[in-house]
Amino acid sequence: MPGIRWASRLFRLLLILTACGCGDGSGSDNQQLNPGLVGKFLVMDGSAVSLMDAATGQYTGVPNTGHDYFIDKYPQATDFDVVSLPYHGDRFLVVARGETALVSGQTFQGQSLFDLQLPFQLEGVSLSQDGRYLSLIRILDDDFFSRQLEILTTDGVPLGHTVVGAGRIHLHPMHWLSDYRLVYSAETSFHITSPLSAELEYSIDLNDYAQLADPEMTISAWAISPDETRLVFALEHEEFTWSPQQLQIYIMDLDGSNLNLLASAALGAEGPVAFNPEWSPDGKWLFAEVGNNLIYRAAKMTHLYLIPINESGRPFHLSDEDQERSPEVRPLWRYDYHDVEADISSRGMLFDYLYWLPEN
């Protein structure tokens, strides 16, 4: 009933405001939906970009973004992607696609950093921590399964070698380490390159771990810790499977040692998935958007959780039922829309993605 739903929302809001001392909901600086959190989230709703304060759950728009702006800037393009950079708190990438591709760097203040025109189709672009180099997956000969990994400067100068036939590289964003090594994933393996090179330095094959070996499982999402010593990842069955299964999120050192289960969830028969895990800038929390497969995600059935980085080795349990979820796991509260009068929610939203950014 509408009256009951309205009363329930009001009661939940009062509980949150009382618990965190948020005042009257007027958007003041001391309003804390998520007390103790630091940094900001990059929020992408289609091609529009905003920044959400982690503590307050409030948004500020990023200038020079959105479909209309990108159409005016790149009139030959038909498709646009905004790419987050987990180690950059002040910039992001825009990929414009048409007959060719264009990669643009931009600050959150709207300043353009570079525009690189590429005479081919690409996927999976990322920017080095010093902003000087790009890594990308290039599609060869119009064949989706024929790809190669390339490294080049933001001026378009190719560097090092390429890995030809890398068609199994995941489209998950690649991660540049501070020493110019590159981390990317492919099926059940992580690959770490030599500095400023696409040549492999070493790989981590999850099939080598007895507790992980499962021919039907692949890596669904992962993230590198801010100090670059640890790796968090989630495993899943085929993307559109309909059999009941368990979502598991693991943590291990970047050299492949000290593997431990961090959290798990049983989310029913629709195929649980962890989207976009991100570390907090202080390394104390892991943000994960947890829910079902893409059909359910489009129905806004995901939930936003904050998982503490557990040093004891005891795994946490994830659930959208409060009584079943480990008490240490917190929902991430935020305003549903760019309006402090809007509802407060811990659920994901259609076409809405969050990435936790470091503090400058």
Protein backbone atom coordinates (compact mmCIF):
# COMPACT_ATOMS: atom_id res chain seq x y z
CA MET A 1 0.00 0.00 0.00
CA PRO A 2 1.32 3.49 -0.84
CA GLY A 3 0.84 4.79 2.69
CA ILE A 4 2.78 1.92 4.21
CA ARG A 5 5.63 2.27 1.68
CA TRP A 6 5.84 6.01 2.36
CA ALA A 7 5.91 5.47 6.12
CA SER A 8 8.58 2.78 5.76
CA ARG A 9 10.81 5.11 3.72
CA LEU A 10 10.35 7.92 6.21
CA PHE A 11 11.19 5.64 9.13
CA ARG A 12 14.35 4.38 7.41
CA LEU A 13 15.45 7.92 6.62
CA LEU A 14 14.91 8.99 10.23
CA LEU A 15 16.98 6.05 11.45
CA ILE A 16 19.85 6.96 9.13
CA LEU A 17 19.78 10.63 10.04
CA THR A 18 19.61 9.84 13.75
CA ALA A 19 22.48 7.36 13.56
CA CYS A 20 24.83 9.67 11.70
CA GLY A 21 23.79 13.06 13.09
CA CYS A 22 22.89 14.28 9.61
CA GLY A 23 20.59 17.10 10.65
CA ASP A 24 17.56 18.10 8.63
CA GLY A 25 18.49 16.75 5.19
CA SER A 26 19.32 20.19 3.86
CA GLY A 27 22.58 19.06 2.24
CA SER A 28 24.88 20.64 4.82
CA ASP A 29 28.52 19.62 5.00
CA ASN A 30 28.05 17.52 8.14
CA GLN A 31 25.40 15.29 6.57
CA GLN A 32 26.91 11.78 6.65
CA LEU A 33 25.00 8.84 5.20
CA ASN A 34 28.19 6.73 5.34
CA PRO A 35 30.20 7.92 8.37
CA GLY A 36 33.94 7.30 8.22
CA LEU A 37 34.20 6.84 4.46
CA VAL A 38 36.70 8.88 2.44
CA GLY A 39 37.01 9.86 -1.20
CA LYS A 40 34.50 10.17 -4.00
CA PHE A 41 32.76 7.83 -6.42
CA LEU A 42 32.77 8.41 -10.15
CA VAL A 43 29.13 7.84 -11.17
CA MET A 44 28.31 7.14 -14.79
CA ASP A 45 24.74 7.22 -16.00
CA GLY A 46 25.05 6.51 -19.68
CA SER A 47 27.55 9.10 -20.92
CA ALA A 48 26.76 11.62 -18.17
CA VAL A 49 29.36 11.80 -15.38
CA SER A 50 29.00 12.91 -11.76
CA LEU A 51 31.03 12.70 -8.58
CA MET A 52 29.39 11.32 -5.44
CA ASP A 53 30.89 12.08 -2.04
CA ALA A 54 31.45 8.74 -0.26
CA ALA A 55 30.48 10.07 3.16
CA THR A 56 27.43 12.16 2.27
CA GLY A 57 26.07 10.27 -0.77
CA GLN A 58 25.55 13.59 -2.57
CA TYR A 59 26.36 14.35 -6.19
CA THR A 60 28.05 17.10 -8.15
CA GLY A 61 27.90 17.12 -11.94
CA VAL A 62 31.05 16.94 -14.08
CA PRO A 63 31.09 19.60 -16.81
CA ASN A 64 31.59 18.79 -20.49
CA THR A 65 30.06 15.31 -20.31
CA GLY A 66 26.82 13.79 -21.53
CA HIS A 67 25.54 12.57 -24.88
CA ASP A 68 24.79 16.01 -26.36
CA TYR A 69 28.22 17.39 -25.47
CA PHE A 70 30.05 14.36 -26.88
CA ILE A 71 27.98 14.47 -30.08
CA ASP A 72 29.01 18.11 -30.60
CA LYS A 73 32.68 17.35 -29.86
CA TYR A 74 32.88 14.12 -31.88
CA PRO A 75 30.27 14.49 -34.66
CA GLN A 76 31.55 11.47 -36.59
CA ALA A 77 31.12 9.11 -33.62
CA THR A 78 28.09 6.92 -32.98
CA ASP A 79 29.00 5.46 -29.59
CA PHE A 80 30.68 6.80 -26.44
CA ASP A 81 32.22 5.18 -23.37
CA VAL A 82 33.46 6.84 -20.18
CA VAL A 83 36.38 4.93 -18.62
CA SER A 84 37.22 5.27 -14.92
CA LEU A 85 40.80 5.23 -13.66
CA PRO A 86 41.04 3.74 -10.13
CA TYR A 87 44.37 5.45 -9.36
CA HIS A 88 43.36 8.91 -10.67
CA GLY A 89 41.21 11.14 -8.51
CA ASP A 90 41.18 13.98 -11.02
CA ARG A 91 40.69 12.54 -14.52
CA PHE A 92 38.95 9.97 -16.69
CA LEU A 93 38.91 8.80 -20.31
CA VAL A 94 36.31 9.12 -23.06
CA VAL A 95 36.27 6.70 -26.00
CA ALA A 96 34.35 7.82 -29.08
CA ARG A 97 33.71 5.21 -31.76
CA GLY A 98 32.69 5.48 -35.38
CA GLU A 99 34.58 4.37 -38.47
CA THR A 100 37.69 5.04 -36.37
CA ALA A 101 38.21 5.60 -32.66
CA LEU A 102 39.19 8.60 -30.58
CA VAL A 103 40.51 8.51 -27.00
CA SER A 104 40.26 11.68 -24.96
CA GLY A 105 41.54 12.49 -21.47
CA GLN A 106 39.54 14.90 -19.35
CA THR A 107 39.64 16.29 -15.80
CA PHE A 108 36.63 16.41 -13.49
CA GLN A 109 36.71 20.19 -13.90
CA GLY A 110 36.00 19.78 -17.63
CA GLN A 111 39.53 20.46 -18.93
CA SER A 112 40.63 18.46 -21.98
CA LEU A 113 44.03 16.78 -21.53
CA PHE A 114 44.57 15.12 -24.92
CA ASP A 115 42.71 13.82 -27.97
CA LEU A 116 44.17 10.85 -29.82
CA GLN A 117 42.67 9.74 -33.13
CA LEU A 118 43.21 6.05 -33.91
CA PRO A 119 42.59 4.58 -37.38
CA PHE A 120 41.09 1.32 -36.04
CA GLN A 121 38.51 -0.06 -33.63
CA LEU A 122 39.46 -0.62 -30.01
CA GLU A 123 38.26 -1.81 -26.63
CA GLY A 124 39.58 -1.81 -23.08
CA VAL A 125 41.60 1.40 -22.99
CA SER A 126 43.40 2.57 -19.82
CA LEU A 127 45.83 5.35 -18.82
CA SER A 128 49.09 5.04 -16.86
CA GLN A 129 49.35 6.61 -13.42
CA ASP A 130 51.51 9.49 -14.66
CA GLY A 131 49.10 10.15 -17.54
CA ARG A 132 51.72 9.60 -20.27
CA TYR A 133 50.86 6.16 -21.68
CA LEU A 134 47.81 4.28 -22.90
CA SER A 135 47.08 0.58 -23.05
CA LEU A 136 44.35 -0.68 -25.33
CA ILE A 137 42.91 -3.78 -26.92
CA ARG A 138 42.79 -3.37 -30.68
CA ILE A 139 40.37 -5.32 -32.88
CA LEU A 140 42.17 -6.76 -35.89
CA ASP A 141 40.65 -7.14 -39.35
CA ASP A 142 37.11 -6.49 -38.13
CA ASP A 143 37.20 -9.81 -36.27
CA PHE A 144 35.88 -9.59 -32.70
CA PHE A 145 37.92 -12.64 -31.69
CA SER A 146 41.16 -11.36 -33.19
CA ARG A 147 42.62 -8.78 -30.82
CA GLN A 148 45.96 -7.57 -29.60
CA LEU A 149 47.20 -5.66 -26.59
CA GLU A 150 49.05 -2.44 -27.40
CA ILE A 151 50.89 0.21 -25.39
CA LEU A 152 51.49 3.68 -26.79
CA THR A 153 52.02 7.25 -25.66
CA THR A 154 49.14 9.70 -25.48
CA ASP A 155 50.70 11.24 -28.62
CA GLY A 156 50.14 7.94 -30.45
CA VAL A 157 53.73 6.62 -30.47
CA PRO A 158 53.75 2.78 -30.16
CA LEU A 159 55.91 1.30 -27.37
CA GLY A 160 57.27 -2.17 -26.70
CA HIS A 161 55.74 -5.32 -28.06
CA THR A 162 52.19 -6.50 -28.63
CA VAL A 163 50.49 -9.70 -27.61
CA VAL A 164 48.89 -10.94 -30.85
CA GLY A 165 45.77 -13.11 -30.74
CA ALA A 166 44.73 -11.94 -27.28
CA GLY A 167 41.07 -12.54 -28.05
CA ARG A 168 40.39 -13.90 -24.60
CA ILE A 169 41.41 -10.73 -22.75
CA HIS A 170 38.54 -9.57 -20.58
CA LEU A 171 37.01 -6.21 -21.32
CA HIS A 172 37.44 -5.31 -17.66
CA PRO A 173 39.63 -2.17 -17.50
CA MET A 174 43.33 -2.92 -17.39
CA HIS A 175 45.27 -1.64 -14.38
CA TRP A 176 48.55 0.26 -14.61
CA LEU A 177 50.90 -0.17 -11.63
CA SER A 178 53.11 2.71 -10.50
CA ASP A 179 56.20 0.99 -11.97
CA TYR A 180 54.53 0.91 -15.44
CA ARG A 181 53.63 -2.77 -15.33
CA LEU A 182 50.19 -3.65 -16.63
CA VAL A 183 47.67 -6.06 -15.07
CA TYR A 184 44.84 -7.63 -17.06
CA SER A 185 42.67 -10.75 -16.84
CA ALA A 186 41.70 -13.51 -19.25
CA GLU A 187 39.25 -16.30 -18.38
CA THR A 188 40.74 -17.79 -15.17
CA SER A 189 44.13 -16.06 -15.25
CA PHE A 190 45.71 -12.76 -14.29
CA HIS A 191 48.63 -11.48 -16.35
CA ILE A 192 51.28 -8.98 -15.28
CA THR A 193 53.53 -7.48 -17.94
CA SER A 194 57.05 -6.11 -17.80
CA PRO A 195 57.32 -2.31 -17.34
CA LEU A 196 56.09 -0.35 -20.38
CA SER A 197 55.63 -3.56 -22.34
CA ALA A 198 52.92 -5.97 -23.39
CA GLU A 199 55.35 -8.87 -22.85
CA LEU A 200 54.38 -11.00 -19.86
CA GLU A 201 56.47 -10.97 -16.71
CA TYR A 202 54.33 -13.63 -14.98
CA SER A 203 50.79 -15.02 -14.83
CA ILE A 204 48.51 -16.31 -12.08
CA ASP A 205 46.30 -19.21 -13.19
CA LEU A 206 43.44 -19.79 -10.76
CA ASN A 207 43.18 -23.40 -11.94
CA ASP A 208 46.42 -24.01 -10.03
CA TYR A 209 44.52 -23.49 -6.76
CA ALA A 210 42.63 -26.60 -5.66
CA GLN A 211 39.83 -24.63 -3.97
CA LEU A 212 39.23 -22.60 -7.15
CA ALA A 213 39.69 -25.15 -9.93
CA ASP A 214 36.36 -25.33 -11.77
CA PRO A 215 36.21 -25.47 -15.59
CA GLU A 216 32.88 -23.61 -15.59
CA MET A 217 34.12 -20.64 -13.55
CA THR A 218 35.69 -17.47 -14.91
CA ILE A 219 36.79 -14.16 -13.40
CA SER A 220 33.89 -11.70 -13.34
CA ALA A 221 35.46 -8.68 -11.65
CA TRP A 222 38.64 -7.64 -9.84
CA ALA A 223 40.57 -4.70 -8.38
CA ILE A 224 44.11 -3.89 -7.19
CA SER A 225 44.64 -2.46 -3.69
CA PRO A 226 45.85 1.17 -3.38
CA ASP A 227 49.25 -0.02 -2.10
CA GLU A 228 49.49 -2.41 -5.09
CA THR A 229 50.18 -5.44 -2.89
CA ARG A 230 46.84 -7.27 -3.08
CA LEU A 231 44.19 -8.31 -5.57
CA VAL A 232 40.46 -8.83 -4.97
CA PHE A 233 38.44 -10.83 -7.48
CA ALA A 234 35.08 -12.56 -7.94
CA LEU A 235 34.29 -15.77 -9.81
CA GLU A 236 31.13 -16.64 -11.68
CA HIS A 237 29.66 -19.32 -13.92
CA GLU A 238 28.54 -18.54 -17.44
CA GLU A 239 26.99 -15.09 -17.54
CA PHE A 240 23.48 -16.24 -18.36
CA THR A 241 23.28 -19.48 -16.41
CA TRP A 242 20.02 -20.18 -14.58
CA SER A 243 21.22 -22.77 -12.05
CA PRO A 244 21.58 -21.90 -8.35
CA GLN A 245 25.13 -20.97 -7.45
CA GLN A 246 27.31 -19.19 -4.93
CA LEU A 247 29.08 -15.90 -5.47
CA GLN A 248 32.55 -15.83 -3.93
CA ILE A 249 34.93 -12.89 -3.58
CA TYR A 250 38.59 -13.74 -2.90
CA ILE A 251 41.62 -11.76 -1.84
CA MET A 252 45.26 -12.63 -2.48
CA ASP A 253 48.68 -11.02 -2.78
CA LEU A 254 49.63 -9.69 -6.20
CA ASP A 255 52.25 -12.43 -6.56
CA GLY A 256 49.54 -15.09 -6.20
CA SER A 257 50.21 -16.04 -2.58
CA ASN A 258 48.00 -15.89 0.53
CA LEU A 259 44.70 -16.69 -1.20
CA ASN A 260 41.67 -16.33 1.11
CA LEU A 261 37.90 -16.17 0.75
CA LEU A 262 36.78 -12.65 1.67
CA ALA A 263 33.00 -12.87 1.20
CA SER A 264 30.30 -15.08 -0.28
CA ALA A 265 26.63 -14.84 -1.13
CA ALA A 266 23.84 -17.19 -2.16
CA LEU A 267 21.51 -15.07 -4.29
CA GLY A 268 19.17 -17.65 -5.78
CA ALA A 269 18.87 -19.11 -9.24
CA GLU A 270 19.44 -16.06 -11.41
CA GLY A 271 23.24 -16.16 -11.35
CA PRO A 272 24.89 -13.90 -8.74
CA VAL A 273 27.49 -11.49 -10.02
CA ALA A 274 29.78 -8.94 -8.36
CA PHE A 275 30.11 -5.76 -10.40
CA ASN A 276 32.92 -3.23 -10.23
CA PRO A 277 34.70 -4.04 -6.97
CA GLU A 278 36.68 -1.01 -5.82
CA TRP A 279 39.00 -0.40 -2.87
CA SER A 280 38.49 2.59 -0.61
CA PRO A 281 41.35 5.11 -0.85
CA ASP A 282 42.50 4.16 2.67
CA GLY A 283 42.51 0.44 1.82
CA LYS A 284 40.07 -0.45 4.63
CA TRP A 285 36.94 -1.23 2.60
CA LEU A 286 35.94 -2.96 -0.59
CA PHE A 287 32.93 -1.60 -2.46
CA ALA A 288 31.00 -4.11 -4.55
CA GLU A 289 27.75 -3.95 -6.46
CA VAL A 290 26.32 -7.41 -5.88
CA GLY A 291 23.27 -8.89 -7.55
CA ASN A 292 22.10 -11.12 -10.35
CA ASN A 293 22.92 -11.43 -14.02
CA LEU A 294 22.46 -8.64 -16.54
CA ILE A 295 18.74 -9.27 -16.94
CA TYR A 296 18.22 -8.64 -13.24
CA ARG A 297 20.69 -5.77 -13.23
CA ALA A 298 18.56 -3.97 -15.78
CA ALA A 299 15.66 -4.41 -13.34
CA LYS A 300 17.70 -2.58 -10.64
CA MET A 301 18.08 -5.68 -8.46
CA THR A 302 21.69 -5.14 -7.40
CA HIS A 303 22.73 -3.90 -3.95
CA LEU A 304 25.67 -1.72 -2.95
CA TYR A 305 27.85 -3.11 -0.13
CA LEU A 306 30.93 -2.06 1.81
CA ILE A 307 32.98 -5.10 2.81
CA PRO A 308 35.75 -4.59 5.39
CA ILE A 309 39.14 -5.93 4.40
CA ASN A 310 39.31 -8.80 6.87
CA GLU A 311 42.71 -9.67 8.29
CA SER A 312 41.42 -12.58 10.41
CA GLY A 313 40.68 -14.89 7.49
CA ARG A 314 37.03 -15.30 8.49
CA PRO A 315 34.85 -14.79 5.39
CA PHE A 316 31.82 -12.50 5.45
CA HIS A 317 28.35 -13.37 4.22
CA LEU A 318 26.52 -11.05 1.82
CA SER A 319 22.74 -10.86 1.70
CA ASP A 320 20.09 -8.25 1.02
CA GLU A 321 18.39 -9.53 4.19
CA ASP A 322 19.82 -7.69 7.20
CA GLN A 323 19.47 -10.69 9.52
CA GLU A 324 21.46 -12.92 7.13
CA ARG A 325 24.27 -10.49 6.29
CA SER A 326 27.43 -10.35 8.39
CA PRO A 327 27.07 -7.35 10.73
CA GLU A 328 30.45 -5.96 9.64
CA VAL A 329 29.19 -5.57 6.04
CA ARG A 330 27.58 -2.15 5.49
CA PRO A 331 25.19 -1.05 2.76
CA LEU A 332 26.44 1.98 0.81
CA TRP A 333 23.75 4.61 1.17
CA ARG A 334 23.26 7.33 -1.41
CA TYR A 335 20.59 9.54 -2.86
CA ASP A 336 18.77 7.91 -5.73
CA TYR A 337 18.94 11.07 -7.84
CA HIS A 338 20.97 14.28 -7.97
CA ASP A 339 18.65 15.83 -5.42
CA VAL A 340 18.91 15.81 -1.63
CA GLU A 341 15.13 15.56 -1.44
CA ALA A 342 15.17 12.24 -3.32
CA ASP A 343 14.97 8.80 -1.76
CA ILE A 344 17.97 7.27 -0.02
CA SER A 345 18.84 3.85 -1.37
CA SER A 346 21.49 1.13 -1.26
CA ARG A 347 20.31 -0.39 -4.55
CA GLY A 348 21.92 -0.16 -7.95
CA MET A 349 20.18 1.78 -10.68
CA LEU A 350 19.68 1.25 -14.39
CA PHE A 351 22.79 2.20 -16.45
CA ASP A 352 24.34 3.62 -13.28
CA TYR A 353 27.89 2.56 -12.36
CA LEU A 354 30.03 3.66 -9.40
CA TYR A 355 33.83 3.62 -9.14
CA TRP A 356 35.64 4.59 -5.93
CA LEU A 357 38.34 7.14 -6.69
CA PRO A 358 41.46 7.99 -4.68
CA GLU A 359 41.78 11.30 -2.92
CA ASN A 360 44.14 13.79 -4.55
